[in-house]
Amino acid sequence: MLIYLVAGARPNFMKIAPIVRALQARADAPAFKIIHTGQHYDREMNDVFFEELGIPQPDVFMAAGGGSHAQQTAKIMIGFEEILTKEIRG
C-alpha cells in the first residue's frame, strides 16, 4: 500500500504533519509519498513549513502555481493523474 499526501498551501502542510509523524512512528505503517502541488513556491510560504513542522521534503513538486484558481486546480488534477498513471505502470 502507498499513501499519497497531497499538499500545496500552509493549511495543507499543517494537516499532513501529524499524519507524517504517525506514519514515521510505526514500523508497520504503509509507505507514503508527499506530493507538493507547488501552489506556493516562495520560501516563506513553502520551505519554512517543511522545516518547522519536521515534514520530509516532497517526493514530487508539481509546480502548479500561477494562473487563476481554475487553472491551478486543472494543473493539479492533470499532474496528479500523470503521477498515478506512472506509478501504476511502474
N, C-alpha and C. Protein backbone atom coordinates (compact mmCIF):
# COMPACT_ATOMS: atom_id res chain seq x y z
N MET A 1 0.85 -1.17 0.00
CA MET A 1 0.00 0.00 0.00
C MET A 1 0.89 1.23 0.00
N LEU A 2 0.47 2.24 -0.74
CA LEU A 2 1.19 3.51 -0.82
C LEU A 2 0.19 4.63 -0.60
N ILE A 3 0.48 5.51 0.34
CA ILE A 3 -0.39 6.64 0.65
C ILE A 3 0.21 7.89 0.02
N TYR A 4 -0.62 8.65 -0.67
CA TYR A 4 -0.19 9.92 -1.24
C TYR A 4 -0.73 11.04 -0.36
N LEU A 5 0.16 11.87 0.12
CA LEU A 5 -0.22 13.05 0.90
C LEU A 5 -0.02 14.25 -0.01
N VAL A 6 -1.11 14.85 -0.44
CA VAL A 6 -1.07 15.95 -1.40
C VAL A 6 -1.28 17.26 -0.63
N ALA A 7 -0.34 18.17 -0.79
CA ALA A 7 -0.42 19.45 -0.09
C ALA A 7 0.19 20.54 -0.96
N GLY A 8 -0.26 21.75 -0.74
CA GLY A 8 0.28 22.84 -1.55
C GLY A 8 0.22 24.20 -0.91
N ALA A 9 -0.43 24.31 0.24
CA ALA A 9 -0.56 25.60 0.91
C ALA A 9 -0.46 25.38 2.42
N ARG A 10 -0.23 26.45 3.14
CA ARG A 10 0.02 26.37 4.59
C ARG A 10 -0.96 25.47 5.35
N PRO A 11 -2.27 25.63 5.19
CA PRO A 11 -3.17 24.77 5.96
C PRO A 11 -2.97 23.28 5.65
N ASN A 12 -2.64 22.97 4.38
CA ASN A 12 -2.43 21.57 4.00
C ASN A 12 -1.19 21.00 4.68
N PHE A 13 -0.11 21.77 4.74
CA PHE A 13 1.12 21.30 5.36
C PHE A 13 0.88 21.02 6.85
N MET A 14 0.13 21.89 7.48
CA MET A 14 -0.16 21.72 8.91
C MET A 14 -1.03 20.47 9.13
N LYS A 15 -1.87 20.14 8.18
CA LYS A 15 -2.75 18.97 8.32
C LYS A 15 -2.01 17.66 8.07
N ILE A 16 -1.03 17.67 7.16
CA ILE A 16 -0.33 16.42 6.89
C ILE A 16 0.78 16.13 7.90
N ALA A 17 1.25 17.14 8.63
CA ALA A 17 2.35 16.94 9.58
C ALA A 17 2.06 15.84 10.60
N PRO A 18 0.90 15.83 11.28
CA PRO A 18 0.65 14.75 12.24
C PRO A 18 0.49 13.38 11.56
N ILE A 19 0.02 13.38 10.33
CA ILE A 19 -0.11 12.12 9.60
C ILE A 19 1.28 11.57 9.30
N VAL A 20 2.18 12.44 8.86
CA VAL A 20 3.55 12.03 8.57
C VAL A 20 4.21 11.49 9.83
N ARG A 21 4.07 12.20 10.94
CA ARG A 21 4.68 11.74 12.20
C ARG A 21 4.12 10.38 12.63
N ALA A 22 2.82 10.19 12.48
CA ALA A 22 2.21 8.91 12.85
C ALA A 22 2.72 7.78 11.96
N LEU A 23 2.85 8.04 10.68
CA LEU A 23 3.35 7.02 9.76
C LEU A 23 4.82 6.70 10.05
N GLN A 24 5.60 7.72 10.35
CA GLN A 24 7.02 7.51 10.65
C GLN A 24 7.23 6.77 11.96
N ALA A 25 6.29 6.87 12.87
CA ALA A 25 6.44 6.27 14.19
C ALA A 25 6.15 4.77 14.21
N ARG A 26 5.51 4.28 13.18
CA ARG A 26 5.12 2.86 13.16
C ARG A 26 5.97 2.08 12.17
N ALA A 27 6.56 1.01 12.64
CA ALA A 27 7.36 0.16 11.77
C ALA A 27 6.50 -0.53 10.72
N ASP A 28 5.23 -0.77 11.04
CA ASP A 28 4.35 -1.48 10.12
C ASP A 28 3.47 -0.53 9.28
N ALA A 29 3.79 0.74 9.30
CA ALA A 29 3.00 1.72 8.56
C ALA A 29 3.22 1.57 7.06
N PRO A 30 2.20 1.86 6.28
CA PRO A 30 2.39 1.81 4.83
C PRO A 30 3.34 2.91 4.37
N ALA A 31 3.92 2.72 3.23
CA ALA A 31 4.79 3.74 2.64
C ALA A 31 3.95 4.94 2.25
N PHE A 32 4.59 6.10 2.20
CA PHE A 32 3.88 7.30 1.78
C PHE A 32 4.78 8.17 0.92
N LYS A 33 4.15 8.98 0.10
CA LYS A 33 4.84 9.98 -0.70
C LYS A 33 4.15 11.31 -0.49
N ILE A 34 4.96 12.34 -0.40
CA ILE A 34 4.41 13.69 -0.29
C ILE A 34 4.45 14.32 -1.69
N ILE A 35 3.29 14.75 -2.12
CA ILE A 35 3.15 15.41 -3.41
C ILE A 35 2.86 16.88 -3.13
N HIS A 36 3.77 17.74 -3.53
CA HIS A 36 3.62 19.18 -3.33
C HIS A 36 3.04 19.77 -4.61
N THR A 37 1.88 20.38 -4.52
CA THR A 37 1.24 20.91 -5.71
C THR A 37 1.99 22.10 -6.30
N GLY A 38 2.77 22.77 -5.47
CA GLY A 38 3.54 23.90 -5.97
C GLY A 38 2.74 25.18 -6.10
N GLN A 39 1.61 25.25 -5.42
CA GLN A 39 0.80 26.46 -5.47
C GLN A 39 1.59 27.64 -4.90
N HIS A 40 2.37 27.36 -3.87
CA HIS A 40 3.24 28.38 -3.28
C HIS A 40 4.66 27.91 -3.43
N TYR A 41 5.51 28.77 -3.93
CA TYR A 41 6.90 28.39 -4.15
C TYR A 41 7.87 29.34 -3.48
N ASP A 42 7.34 30.33 -2.79
CA ASP A 42 8.16 31.25 -2.00
C ASP A 42 8.61 30.54 -0.73
N ARG A 43 9.84 30.78 -0.28
CA ARG A 43 10.38 30.12 0.91
C ARG A 43 9.47 30.30 2.12
N GLU A 44 8.94 31.49 2.31
CA GLU A 44 8.11 31.78 3.48
C GLU A 44 6.73 31.13 3.40
N MET A 45 6.33 30.71 2.23
CA MET A 45 5.03 30.05 2.08
C MET A 45 5.20 28.57 1.75
N ASN A 46 6.45 28.08 1.88
CA ASN A 46 6.70 26.71 1.45
C ASN A 46 7.74 26.04 2.33
N ASP A 47 9.01 26.25 2.06
CA ASP A 47 10.10 25.54 2.75
C ASP A 47 10.03 25.67 4.26
N VAL A 48 9.65 26.83 4.73
CA VAL A 48 9.62 27.07 6.17
C VAL A 48 8.70 26.07 6.89
N PHE A 49 7.62 25.66 6.25
CA PHE A 49 6.70 24.72 6.88
C PHE A 49 7.29 23.32 6.97
N PHE A 50 8.02 22.92 5.94
CA PHE A 50 8.67 21.62 5.99
C PHE A 50 9.70 21.59 7.11
N GLU A 51 10.45 22.67 7.25
CA GLU A 51 11.47 22.75 8.29
C GLU A 51 10.84 22.79 9.68
N GLU A 52 9.91 23.70 9.89
CA GLU A 52 9.33 23.90 11.22
C GLU A 52 8.42 22.76 11.66
N LEU A 53 7.76 22.10 10.74
CA LEU A 53 6.84 21.01 11.09
C LEU A 53 7.53 19.64 11.03
N GLY A 54 8.78 19.61 10.59
CA GLY A 54 9.51 18.35 10.53
C GLY A 54 8.98 17.40 9.47
N ILE A 55 8.49 17.95 8.38
CA ILE A 55 7.97 17.15 7.28
C ILE A 55 9.12 16.91 6.30
N PRO A 56 9.26 15.68 5.82
CA PRO A 56 10.31 15.44 4.82
C PRO A 56 10.04 16.25 3.55
N GLN A 57 11.08 16.53 2.82
CA GLN A 57 10.91 17.24 1.56
C GLN A 57 10.01 16.41 0.64
N PRO A 58 9.25 17.07 -0.22
CA PRO A 58 8.31 16.34 -1.08
C PRO A 58 9.02 15.38 -2.03
N ASP A 59 8.34 14.31 -2.33
CA ASP A 59 8.84 13.36 -3.32
C ASP A 59 8.62 13.90 -4.73
N VAL A 60 7.55 14.68 -4.87
CA VAL A 60 7.21 15.27 -6.16
C VAL A 60 6.82 16.72 -5.94
N PHE A 61 7.31 17.61 -6.81
CA PHE A 61 6.91 19.01 -6.80
C PHE A 61 6.24 19.29 -8.13
N MET A 62 4.95 19.59 -8.10
CA MET A 62 4.15 19.72 -9.33
C MET A 62 4.27 21.07 -10.02
N ALA A 63 4.67 22.12 -9.33
CA ALA A 63 4.82 23.46 -9.92
C ALA A 63 3.52 23.95 -10.57
N ALA A 64 2.42 23.83 -9.84
CA ALA A 64 1.11 24.23 -10.37
C ALA A 64 0.76 25.68 -10.02
N GLY A 65 1.70 26.43 -9.48
CA GLY A 65 1.43 27.82 -9.09
C GLY A 65 1.26 28.72 -10.30
N GLY A 66 0.61 29.83 -10.07
CA GLY A 66 0.38 30.80 -11.14
C GLY A 66 -0.93 30.54 -11.84
N GLY A 67 -1.49 31.58 -12.39
CA GLY A 67 -2.76 31.46 -13.10
C GLY A 67 -3.94 31.61 -12.15
N SER A 68 -5.10 31.48 -12.71
CA SER A 68 -6.33 31.60 -11.92
C SER A 68 -6.51 30.36 -11.04
N HIS A 69 -7.48 30.44 -10.14
CA HIS A 69 -7.77 29.30 -9.28
C HIS A 69 -8.14 28.08 -10.12
N ALA A 70 -8.95 28.29 -11.14
CA ALA A 70 -9.36 27.18 -12.01
C ALA A 70 -8.17 26.59 -12.75
N GLN A 71 -7.26 27.44 -13.22
CA GLN A 71 -6.08 26.95 -13.93
C GLN A 71 -5.18 26.13 -13.00
N GLN A 72 -5.00 26.60 -11.77
CA GLN A 72 -4.18 25.86 -10.81
C GLN A 72 -4.83 24.51 -10.49
N THR A 73 -6.14 24.52 -10.29
CA THR A 73 -6.85 23.27 -9.98
C THR A 73 -6.69 22.28 -11.13
N ALA A 74 -6.82 22.76 -12.35
CA ALA A 74 -6.67 21.90 -13.52
C ALA A 74 -5.26 21.33 -13.59
N LYS A 75 -4.24 22.16 -13.37
CA LYS A 75 -2.85 21.69 -13.39
C LYS A 75 -2.63 20.60 -12.34
N ILE A 76 -3.20 20.79 -11.17
CA ILE A 76 -3.05 19.82 -10.09
C ILE A 76 -3.72 18.50 -10.46
N MET A 77 -4.94 18.58 -10.96
CA MET A 77 -5.68 17.36 -11.32
C MET A 77 -4.96 16.59 -12.43
N ILE A 78 -4.51 17.29 -13.45
CA ILE A 78 -3.82 16.64 -14.56
C ILE A 78 -2.48 16.08 -14.08
N GLY A 79 -1.75 16.86 -13.30
CA GLY A 79 -0.46 16.41 -12.80
C GLY A 79 -0.58 15.20 -11.89
N PHE A 80 -1.57 15.20 -11.02
CA PHE A 80 -1.75 14.07 -10.11
C PHE A 80 -2.15 12.81 -10.88
N GLU A 81 -2.99 12.98 -11.89
CA GLU A 81 -3.36 11.84 -12.73
C GLU A 81 -2.12 11.25 -13.40
N GLU A 82 -1.22 12.10 -13.88
CA GLU A 82 0.01 11.63 -14.52
C GLU A 82 0.89 10.88 -13.52
N ILE A 83 0.98 11.39 -12.30
CA ILE A 83 1.77 10.71 -11.25
C ILE A 83 1.21 9.32 -10.99
N LEU A 84 -0.10 9.23 -10.80
CA LEU A 84 -0.73 7.94 -10.53
C LEU A 84 -0.57 6.98 -11.70
N THR A 85 -0.73 7.49 -12.90
CA THR A 85 -0.58 6.64 -14.09
C THR A 85 0.83 6.07 -14.17
N LYS A 86 1.83 6.89 -13.93
CA LYS A 86 3.22 6.41 -13.95
C LYS A 86 3.46 5.38 -12.84
N GLU A 87 2.91 5.62 -11.65
CA GLU A 87 3.10 4.70 -10.53
C GLU A 87 2.46 3.34 -10.82
N ILE A 88 1.28 3.36 -11.41
CA ILE A 88 0.57 2.12 -11.70
C ILE A 88 1.30 1.32 -12.77
N ARG A 89 1.80 2.02 -13.75
CA ARG A 89 2.50 1.33 -14.85
C ARG A 89 3.92 0.92 -14.47
N GLY A 90 4.43 1.52 -13.39
CA GLY A 90 5.75 1.16 -12.89
C GLY A 90 6.81 1.70 -13.75
